[in-house]
Protein backbone atom coordinates (compact mmCIF):
# COMPACT_ATOMS: atom_id res chain seq x y z
CA MET A 1 0.07 0.00 0.00
CA HIS A 2 3.16 2.29 -0.03
CA LEU A 3 5.20 3.68 -2.79
CA GLU A 4 8.77 3.80 -1.98
CA GLU A 5 11.49 6.01 -3.44
CA HIS A 6 15.19 5.37 -3.76
CA VAL A 7 17.26 8.18 -2.53
CA PRO A 8 20.82 8.07 -3.60
CA GLN A 9 23.51 9.01 -0.95
CA THR A 10 25.52 12.27 -1.23
CA SER A 11 28.18 13.99 0.74
CA ALA A 12 27.62 16.38 3.50
CA GLN A 13 29.14 19.18 1.44
CA GLU A 14 26.75 18.43 -1.39
CA ALA A 15 23.81 18.48 0.97
CA SER A 16 24.96 21.92 2.44
CA ASP A 17 25.44 23.38 -1.17
CA ALA A 18 22.07 22.29 -2.33
CA LEU A 19 20.16 23.51 0.82
CA GLU A 20 21.90 27.05 0.51
CA TYR A 21 20.84 27.07 -3.35
CA LEU A 22 17.19 26.03 -2.54
CA VAL A 23 16.81 28.63 0.36
CA GLY A 24 18.38 31.21 -1.89
CA VAL A 25 16.19 30.56 -5.12
CA ASN A 26 12.97 30.60 -2.82
CA LEU A 27 13.96 33.78 -0.89
CA ALA A 28 14.74 35.65 -4.33
CA ARG A 29 11.48 34.42 -5.81
CA LEU A 30 9.31 35.32 -2.97
CA ARG A 31 10.91 38.89 -2.52
CA ALA A 32 10.49 39.43 -6.19
CA GLU A 33 6.81 38.38 -6.24
CA ARG A 34 6.16 41.03 -3.61
CA GLN A 35 8.24 43.68 -5.39
CA LEU A 36 10.52 44.38 -2.49
CA SER A 37 14.04 45.56 -2.64
CA LEU A 38 16.74 43.99 -0.36
CA ASP A 39 16.56 47.17 1.59
CA ALA A 40 12.91 47.14 2.13
CA LEU A 41 13.07 43.47 3.24
CA ALA A 42 15.79 44.21 5.54
CA ARG A 43 13.76 47.02 7.19
CA ALA A 44 10.72 44.65 7.42
CA SER A 45 12.50 41.55 8.76
CA GLY A 46 15.16 43.13 10.77
CA VAL A 47 17.74 41.01 8.92
CA SER A 48 20.60 42.95 7.46
CA ARG A 49 20.71 43.66 3.71
CA ALA A 50 24.19 42.01 3.39
CA MET A 51 22.92 38.87 5.11
CA LEU A 52 19.88 38.68 2.74
CA ALA A 53 22.20 39.14 -0.20
CA GLN A 54 24.46 36.36 0.84
CA ILE A 55 21.35 34.01 1.49
CA GLU A 56 20.10 34.88 -2.06
CA SER A 57 23.31 34.13 -3.68
CA ALA A 58 23.63 30.82 -1.77
CA ARG A 59 26.71 31.90 0.04
CA SER A 60 25.20 31.35 3.56
CA VAL A 61 22.58 29.00 5.15
CA PRO A 62 20.41 31.08 7.64
CA SER A 63 19.66 29.93 11.20
CA ILE A 64 16.03 28.94 11.71
CA LYS A 65 15.78 32.21 13.83
CA VAL A 66 16.84 34.27 10.72
CA LEU A 67 14.45 32.40 8.51
CA HIS A 68 11.56 32.92 10.83
CA LYS A 69 12.31 36.72 10.71
CA ILE A 70 12.33 36.79 7.01
CA ALA A 71 9.17 34.35 6.68
CA GLY A 72 7.20 36.83 9.03
CA ALA A 73 8.23 39.83 6.84
CA LEU A 74 7.14 37.97 3.73
CA LYS A 75 4.01 36.40 5.43
CA VAL A 76 5.01 32.84 4.53
CA SER A 77 5.95 29.75 6.60
CA VAL A 78 9.49 28.83 7.15
CA ALA A 79 8.66 25.83 5.12
CA ALA A 80 8.20 28.01 2.05
CA PHE A 81 11.89 28.29 1.72
CA LEU A 82 12.51 24.65 1.69
CA ARG A 83 10.00 23.42 -0.90
CA ARG A 84 10.64 22.57 -4.58
CA HIS A 85 7.32 24.21 -5.20
CA ALA A 86 6.51 26.88 -2.80
CA THR A 87 3.85 29.19 -4.56
CA ASN A 88 2.73 31.37 -1.48
CA GLY A 89 2.32 28.17 0.45
CA ILE A 90 -0.45 26.95 -1.90
CA GLU A 91 -0.38 23.99 -4.30
CA PHE A 92 -3.52 22.91 -6.15
CA LEU A 93 -3.94 19.20 -7.09
CA ALA A 94 -6.54 18.81 -9.85
CA ALA A 95 -8.55 15.59 -9.58
CA ASP A 96 -8.34 14.88 -13.42
CA GLN A 97 -4.67 15.24 -13.37
CA SER A 98 -3.94 12.92 -10.41
CA THR A 99 -1.73 9.82 -10.48
CA ARG A 100 -3.01 6.60 -9.01
CA LEU A 101 -1.08 3.73 -7.69
CA VAL A 102 -3.04 0.76 -9.02
CA THR A 103 -2.28 -2.95 -8.07
CA SER A 104 -3.98 -6.39 -8.11
CA ASN A 105 -5.38 -5.90 -11.59
CA GLY A 106 -7.24 -2.77 -10.61
CA ARG A 107 -8.81 -4.12 -7.48
CA PHE A 108 -6.88 -1.68 -5.19
CA SER A 109 -5.83 1.97 -5.96
CA ALA A 110 -4.33 4.73 -3.85
CA ARG A 111 -4.46 8.45 -4.91
CA PRO A 112 -1.84 10.70 -3.50
CA LEU A 113 -3.60 13.87 -2.14
CA PHE A 114 -0.21 15.68 -1.51
CA PRO A 115 2.56 16.81 -3.76
CA LEU A 116 4.88 13.88 -4.65
CA SER A 117 7.57 16.26 -5.68
CA ALA A 118 8.26 17.64 -2.21
CA PRO A 119 9.46 16.13 1.14
CA ALA A 120 6.54 14.87 3.28
CA SER A 121 6.55 14.09 6.86
CA ALA A 122 3.02 12.92 6.42
CA GLU A 123 1.18 11.32 3.41
CA PHE A 124 -2.43 11.63 2.60
CA HIS A 125 -4.14 9.10 0.29
CA GLU A 126 -7.61 8.20 -1.05
CA LEU A 127 -7.84 4.43 -1.13
CA ARG A 128 -10.32 2.44 -3.16
CA ILE A 129 -10.72 -1.24 -2.61
CA ALA A 130 -12.90 -3.80 -4.67
CA PRO A 131 -15.43 -6.08 -3.10
CA LEU A 132 -13.80 -9.09 -1.35
CA HIS A 133 -10.30 -7.83 -2.19
CA THR A 134 -7.41 -8.04 0.54
CA GLU A 135 -4.63 -5.56 0.11
CA THR A 136 -1.51 -6.41 2.16
CA GLY A 137 0.69 -3.57 3.48
CA SER A 138 4.56 -3.78 4.08
CA PRO A 139 5.79 -2.77 7.51
CA ARG A 140 6.97 0.73 7.61
CA PRO A 141 9.96 2.11 9.67
CA PRO A 142 9.49 2.05 13.50
CA GLY A 143 7.53 5.02 14.71
CA THR A 144 5.23 5.24 11.54
CA THR A 145 1.58 5.58 12.31
CA VAL A 146 -1.61 5.49 10.13
CA ASN A 147 -4.93 7.18 10.79
CA LEU A 148 -7.65 5.59 8.54
CA VAL A 149 -11.22 6.75 7.98
CA VAL A 150 -13.91 4.90 5.97
CA SER A 151 -15.94 7.14 3.66
CA ASP A 152 -17.81 4.58 1.88
CA GLY A 153 -18.63 0.86 2.53
CA THR A 154 -17.01 -1.33 4.94
CA LEU A 155 -13.40 -2.36 5.57
CA GLU A 156 -11.72 -4.89 7.74
CA LEU A 157 -8.28 -4.18 9.22
CA ARG A 158 -6.03 -6.75 10.27
CA VAL A 159 -2.91 -5.83 12.16
CA HIS A 160 -0.94 -9.02 13.29
CA ASP A 161 -3.62 -11.37 14.83
CA ARG A 162 -6.00 -8.40 15.71
CA THR A 163 -8.91 -7.74 13.37
CA GLN A 164 -11.29 -4.61 13.44
CA LEU A 165 -14.44 -4.01 11.40
CA LEU A 166 -14.91 -0.50 10.10
CA GLY A 167 -18.23 0.79 8.89
CA THR A 168 -18.76 4.11 7.02
CA GLY A 169 -17.45 7.10 9.23
CA ASP A 170 -15.51 4.82 11.37
CA ALA A 171 -11.76 5.71 12.03
CA ILE A 172 -8.71 3.96 13.33
CA VAL A 173 -5.12 4.69 14.30
CA PHE A 174 -2.42 1.97 14.19
CA ASP A 175 1.33 1.55 14.15
CA ALA A 176 2.31 0.76 10.59
CA ASP A 177 5.66 -0.87 11.51
CA GLN A 178 4.12 -4.29 11.69
CA PRO A 179 2.23 -6.41 9.11
CA HIS A 180 -1.04 -5.18 8.15
CA ALA A 181 -3.86 -5.71 5.57
CA LEU A 182 -7.11 -4.13 4.53
CA ARG A 183 -10.03 -6.38 3.29
CA ASN A 184 -13.31 -5.05 1.55
CA PRO A 185 -15.87 -7.79 2.98
CA GLY A 186 -18.82 -6.03 1.21
CA SER A 187 -20.52 -6.41 -2.24
CA THR A 188 -19.61 -2.82 -3.32
CA GLU A 189 -16.40 -1.01 -3.63
CA ALA A 190 -15.14 0.73 -0.50
CA ARG A 191 -13.31 3.95 -0.12
CA ALA A 192 -11.18 5.40 2.65
CA TYR A 193 -8.89 8.26 3.29
CA GLN A 194 -5.54 7.40 4.95
CA VAL A 195 -3.06 9.76 6.59
CA THR A 196 0.53 8.10 7.15
CA VAL A 197 2.74 9.93 9.51
CA ASN A 198 6.20 8.95 8.77
CA ALA A 199 8.87 8.06 11.25
CA GLU A 200 11.42 10.55 11.93
CA THR A 201 13.75 10.63 8.80
CA PRO A 202 15.90 13.17 7.13
CA PRO A 203 13.89 15.16 4.42
CA ARG A 204 14.91 14.83 0.80
CA TRP A 205 15.74 18.03 -1.08
CA HIS A 206 15.34 18.28 -4.84
CA VAL A 207 16.82 21.55 -5.80
CA PRO A 208 15.33 23.38 -8.68
CA GLY A 209 17.64 23.29 -11.81
CA ASP A 210 19.89 20.72 -10.06
CA SER A 211 19.63 16.93 -10.71
CA ARG A 212 21.00 16.20 -7.32
CA ARG A 213 18.77 14.77 -4.73
CA ILE A 214 20.12 14.62 -1.37
CA ASP A 215 19.58 13.86 2.39
CA GLU A 216 19.86 16.52 5.03
CA THR A 217 19.43 15.90 8.70
CA ASN A 218 17.24 18.47 10.48
């Protein structure tokens, strides 16, 4: 039930360089969108013009405290500086352009309801399961939890030797670092929404205009 991505290992220096570039690109874009000069942003944020220029040119990685000041002046979240797509903190995901993970000859599908191009500490999926089908989930890293709510039909969740029947509107939270499976015991398609909160792992940065994908510890 989970889509995994291979992330190549890179050096600490590459990680630092890519993070500097990502923050700088996003800062320059956010400032330009608001038609602010470096001097104007410096006055609004309390961060010196020289420091802002160094950040934009990828010569310095600011501290969280400095980023918080700049984010406040630009009226965005700190996360806006770390995203590949950070268009004013909003990203629209059109239903007719969505990608589905389909398995078991179409008897199970999962539609991501979050940007796949960005690092995610939590994943949000719409699940559809055909009548009498069972979909097995692979154990996730320790500390991963899942919150599931059934929107249509009936589902049966099995975690190890425990089984819980869920009707429309029922919700359940479980540790996903153990074998688990979802079964639709009904005669019609079941639909559910699943939020997966990932274990504490380093986020993956994909720098615009750069083919490198790196690991960076918080």
